[in-house]
């Protein structure tokens, strides 16, 4: 998996603190943003920060460590210095076992296993393939 060094305006000083598991989703504070996502079966999780919605690659990839950024099935981290409007996504890692409903293999997830969080206020329509747009994704 490729790792990108921090860069760009929004993620220039991206660092990751342990954060909290609740509430789930992004929580903006005066000091930064806490991110939390649930995945009981993931073996690894990255928080991806983008400088703009149209960027193809993240400006920062922040690995969430199992020892410090996981509580039960919740993966979490706090990024100081970022604010509301930060473009982000998660990348989950784990086994590929479709027969048991487990599908983490990055080769089969599209866009390198990048997950858009359903709590996100909006997505860039131009990034969603027309077939998926017809199925209600936007």
C-alpha atoms as a PDB file:
ATOM      1  CA  UNK A   1       0.000   0.000   0.000  1.00  0.00           C
ATOM      2  CA  UNK A   2       1.290   3.442  -0.875  1.00  0.00           C
ATOM      3  CA  UNK A   3       1.832   5.960   1.890  1.00  0.00           C
ATOM      4  CA  UNK A   4       1.717   9.644   1.117  1.00  0.00           C
ATOM      5  CA  UNK A   5       3.696  12.202   3.069  1.00  0.00           C
ATOM      6  CA  UNK A   6       1.721  15.066   4.584  1.00  0.00           C
ATOM      7  CA  UNK A   7       1.340  17.944   2.205  1.00  0.00           C
ATOM      8  CA  UNK A   8      -1.026  20.617   0.996  1.00  0.00           C
ATOM      9  CA  UNK A   9      -2.808  23.290   2.967  1.00  0.00           C
ATOM     10  CA  UNK A  10      -5.444  21.244   4.792  1.00  0.00           C
ATOM     11  CA  UNK A  11      -3.169  18.479   6.003  1.00  0.00           C
ATOM     12  CA  UNK A  12       0.233  20.148   6.140  1.00  0.00           C
ATOM     13  CA  UNK A  13       0.659  19.544   9.858  1.00  0.00           C
ATOM     14  CA  UNK A  14      -1.472  16.400  10.160  1.00  0.00           C
ATOM     15  CA  UNK A  15      -0.667  14.417  13.261  1.00  0.00           C
ATOM     16  CA  UNK A  16      -2.775  11.781  14.950  1.00  0.00           C
ATOM     17  CA  UNK A  17      -3.648  11.546  18.630  1.00  0.00           C
ATOM     18  CA  UNK A  18      -5.608   8.612  20.117  1.00  0.00           C
ATOM     19  CA  UNK A  19      -8.972  10.381  20.062  1.00  0.00           C
ATOM     20  CA  UNK A  20     -12.241   8.892  21.336  1.00  0.00           C
ATOM     21  CA  UNK A  21     -14.525   6.149  20.069  1.00  0.00           C
ATOM     22  CA  UNK A  22     -17.709   8.196  20.643  1.00  0.00           C
ATOM     23  CA  UNK A  23     -19.490   9.803  19.075  1.00  0.00           C
ATOM     24  CA  UNK A  24     -19.105   7.895  15.824  1.00  0.00           C
ATOM     25  CA  UNK A  25     -18.266   9.952  12.740  1.00  0.00           C
ATOM     26  CA  UNK A  26     -16.347  13.250  12.626  1.00  0.00           C
ATOM     27  CA  UNK A  27     -16.655  15.592  15.614  1.00  0.00           C
ATOM     28  CA  UNK A  28     -15.332  19.115  15.150  1.00  0.00           C
ATOM     29  CA  UNK A  29     -13.885  20.869  18.199  1.00  0.00           C
ATOM     30  CA  UNK A  30     -12.047  24.160  18.647  1.00  0.00           C
ATOM     31  CA  UNK A  31      -8.728  22.251  18.520  1.00  0.00           C
ATOM     32  CA  UNK A  32      -9.312  19.853  15.610  1.00  0.00           C
ATOM     33  CA  UNK A  33     -11.483  16.917  14.559  1.00  0.00           C
ATOM     34  CA  UNK A  34     -12.085  13.538  16.209  1.00  0.00           C
ATOM     35  CA  UNK A  35     -12.862  10.713  13.761  1.00  0.00           C
ATOM     36  CA  UNK A  36     -14.495   7.421  14.724  1.00  0.00           C
ATOM     37  CA  UNK A  37     -15.698   4.547  12.539  1.00  0.00           C
ATOM     38  CA  UNK A  38     -16.933   1.066  13.447  1.00  0.00           C
ATOM     39  CA  UNK A  39     -15.517  -2.093  11.936  1.00  0.00           C
ATOM     40  CA  UNK A  40     -15.301  -5.150  14.170  1.00  0.00           C
ATOM     41  CA  UNK A  41     -13.578  -7.300  11.531  1.00  0.00           C
ATOM     42  CA  UNK A  42     -11.073  -4.814  10.096  1.00  0.00           C
ATOM     43  CA  UNK A  43      -7.462  -5.673  10.838  1.00  0.00           C
ATOM     44  CA  UNK A  44      -6.240  -2.179   9.981  1.00  0.00           C
ATOM     45  CA  UNK A  45      -7.638   1.266   9.223  1.00  0.00           C
ATOM     46  CA  UNK A  46      -6.210   4.449   7.696  1.00  0.00           C
ATOM     47  CA  UNK A  47      -7.632   7.946   7.848  1.00  0.00           C
ATOM     48  CA  UNK A  48      -7.089   9.688   4.503  1.00  0.00           C
ATOM     49  CA  UNK A  49      -7.012  13.488   4.310  1.00  0.00           C
ATOM     50  CA  UNK A  50      -7.465  15.246   0.971  1.00  0.00           C
ATOM     51  CA  UNK A  51      -6.779  18.874   0.112  1.00  0.00           C
ATOM     52  CA  UNK A  52      -9.770  19.074  -2.269  1.00  0.00           C
ATOM     53  CA  UNK A  53     -12.749  16.874  -3.214  1.00  0.00           C
ATOM     54  CA  UNK A  54     -11.415  16.314  -6.748  1.00  0.00           C
ATOM     55  CA  UNK A  55      -7.975  15.095  -5.624  1.00  0.00           C
ATOM     56  CA  UNK A  56      -7.164  11.553  -6.763  1.00  0.00           C
ATOM     57  CA  UNK A  57      -4.718  10.899  -3.933  1.00  0.00           C
ATOM     58  CA  UNK A  58      -4.748  11.897  -0.283  1.00  0.00           C
ATOM     59  CA  UNK A  59      -2.305  14.516   0.937  1.00  0.00           C
ATOM     60  CA  UNK A  60      -1.936  12.549   4.194  1.00  0.00           C
ATOM     61  CA  UNK A  61      -2.460   8.938   5.172  1.00  0.00           C
ATOM     62  CA  UNK A  62      -2.732   8.503   8.932  1.00  0.00           C
ATOM     63  CA  UNK A  63      -2.628   4.847  10.045  1.00  0.00           C
ATOM     64  CA  UNK A  64      -4.880   4.096  13.003  1.00  0.00           C
ATOM     65  CA  UNK A  65      -2.891   1.841  15.334  1.00  0.00           C
ATOM     66  CA  UNK A  66      -4.688  -1.084  16.952  1.00  0.00           C
ATOM     67  CA  UNK A  67      -3.075  -0.408  20.353  1.00  0.00           C
ATOM     68  CA  UNK A  68      -3.887   3.319  20.599  1.00  0.00           C
ATOM     69  CA  UNK A  69      -6.653   4.027  18.067  1.00  0.00           C
ATOM     70  CA  UNK A  70      -9.050   1.121  18.609  1.00  0.00           C
ATOM     71  CA  UNK A  71     -11.611   0.543  21.347  1.00  0.00           C
ATOM     72  CA  UNK A  72     -13.654  -2.621  20.817  1.00  0.00           C
ATOM     73  CA  UNK A  73     -14.707  -2.444  17.170  1.00  0.00           C
ATOM     74  CA  UNK A  74     -14.306   1.353  16.955  1.00  0.00           C
ATOM     75  CA  UNK A  75     -11.319   2.841  15.160  1.00  0.00           C
ATOM     76  CA  UNK A  76     -10.687   6.448  16.201  1.00  0.00           C
ATOM     77  CA  UNK A  77      -8.198   9.291  16.116  1.00  0.00           C
ATOM     78  CA  UNK A  78      -8.002  13.026  16.758  1.00  0.00           C
ATOM     79  CA  UNK A  79      -6.299  15.310  14.226  1.00  0.00           C
ATOM     80  CA  UNK A  80      -5.383  18.669  15.766  1.00  0.00           C
ATOM     81  CA  UNK A  81      -5.435  21.810  13.652  1.00  0.00           C
ATOM     82  CA  UNK A  82      -7.977  20.758  11.018  1.00  0.00           C
ATOM     83  CA  UNK A  83     -11.496  22.166  10.816  1.00  0.00           C
ATOM     84  CA  UNK A  84     -14.980  21.632   9.429  1.00  0.00           C
ATOM     85  CA  UNK A  85     -14.829  21.110   5.674  1.00  0.00           C
ATOM     86  CA  UNK A  86     -11.794  18.815   5.724  1.00  0.00           C
ATOM     87  CA  UNK A  87     -12.185  16.227   2.959  1.00  0.00           C
ATOM     88  CA  UNK A  88     -11.535  12.727   4.342  1.00  0.00           C
ATOM     89  CA  UNK A  89     -12.139   9.045   3.820  1.00  0.00           C
ATOM     90  CA  UNK A  90     -11.184   5.782   5.505  1.00  0.00           C
ATOM     91  CA  UNK A  91      -9.307   2.788   4.085  1.00  0.00           C
ATOM     92  CA  UNK A  92     -10.016  -0.501   5.842  1.00  0.00           C
ATOM     93  CA  UNK A  93      -7.852  -3.618   5.665  1.00  0.00           C
ATOM     94  CA  UNK A  94      -8.822  -7.160   6.484  1.00  0.00           C
ATOM     95  CA  UNK A  95      -9.578 -10.598   5.024  1.00  0.00           C
ATOM     96  CA  UNK A  96     -11.311 -11.374   1.747  1.00  0.00           C
ATOM     97  CA  UNK A  97     -13.912 -14.075   2.500  1.00  0.00           C
ATOM     98  CA  UNK A  98     -17.099 -13.348   0.494  1.00  0.00           C
ATOM     99  CA  UNK A  99     -18.702 -16.648   1.506  1.00  0.00           C
ATOM    100  CA  UNK A 100     -18.852 -15.371   5.092  1.00  0.00           C
ATOM    101  CA  UNK A 101     -19.706 -11.772   4.158  1.00  0.00           C
ATOM    102  CA  UNK A 102     -16.212 -10.393   4.786  1.00  0.00           C
ATOM    103  CA  UNK A 103     -14.903  -8.287   1.882  1.00  0.00           C
ATOM    104  CA  UNK A 104     -11.868  -6.208   2.820  1.00  0.00           C
ATOM    105  CA  UNK A 105      -9.527  -7.048  -0.062  1.00  0.00           C
ATOM    106  CA  UNK A 106      -8.421  -3.708  -1.544  1.00  0.00           C
ATOM    107  CA  UNK A 107      -8.309  -5.233  -5.043  1.00  0.00           C
ATOM    108  CA  UNK A 108     -12.090  -5.735  -4.919  1.00  0.00           C
ATOM    109  CA  UNK A 109     -13.218  -2.574  -3.133  1.00  0.00           C
ATOM    110  CA  UNK A 110     -12.626  -0.079  -5.943  1.00  0.00           C
ATOM    111  CA  UNK A 111     -10.459   3.003  -5.490  1.00  0.00           C
ATOM    112  CA  UNK A 112      -7.943   0.987  -3.435  1.00  0.00           C
ATOM    113  CA  UNK A 113     -10.341   0.112  -0.626  1.00  0.00           C
ATOM    114  CA  UNK A 114     -11.274   3.730   0.115  1.00  0.00           C
ATOM    115  CA  UNK A 115     -14.521   4.044   2.054  1.00  0.00           C
ATOM    116  CA  UNK A 116     -16.732   7.107   2.036  1.00  0.00           C
ATOM    117  CA  UNK A 117     -18.413   7.587   5.357  1.00  0.00           C
ATOM    118  CA  UNK A 118     -22.200   7.765   5.166  1.00  0.00           C
ATOM    119  CA  UNK A 119     -22.305  10.716   7.593  1.00  0.00           C
ATOM    120  CA  UNK A 120     -20.408  12.891   5.127  1.00  0.00           C
ATOM    121  CA  UNK A 121     -22.419  16.003   4.256  1.00  0.00           C
ATOM    122  CA  UNK A 122     -21.862  15.626   0.528  1.00  0.00           C
ATOM    123  CA  UNK A 123     -19.808  13.873  -2.089  1.00  0.00           C
ATOM    124  CA  UNK A 124     -18.526  15.223  -5.361  1.00  0.00           C
ATOM    125  CA  UNK A 125     -20.962  13.952  -7.999  1.00  0.00           C
ATOM    126  CA  UNK A 126     -18.281  13.843 -10.674  1.00  0.00           C
ATOM    127  CA  UNK A 127     -16.442  11.184  -8.618  1.00  0.00           C
ATOM    128  CA  UNK A 128     -19.400   8.745  -8.634  1.00  0.00           C
ATOM    129  CA  UNK A 129     -19.670   6.522 -11.734  1.00  0.00           C
ATOM    130  CA  UNK A 130     -22.976   6.956 -13.651  1.00  0.00           C
ATOM    131  CA  UNK A 131     -24.058   3.354 -12.913  1.00  0.00           C
ATOM    132  CA  UNK A 132     -23.802   3.957  -9.155  1.00  0.00           C
ATOM    133  CA  UNK A 133     -25.440   7.375  -9.455  1.00  0.00           C
ATOM    134  CA  UNK A 134     -28.500   5.647 -10.953  1.00  0.00           C
ATOM    135  CA  UNK A 135     -28.602   3.327  -7.915  1.00  0.00           C
ATOM    136  CA  UNK A 136     -28.936   6.281  -5.549  1.00  0.00           C
ATOM    137  CA  UNK A 137     -25.312   7.011  -4.688  1.00  0.00           C
ATOM    138  CA  UNK A 138     -24.320  10.655  -4.985  1.00  0.00           C
END
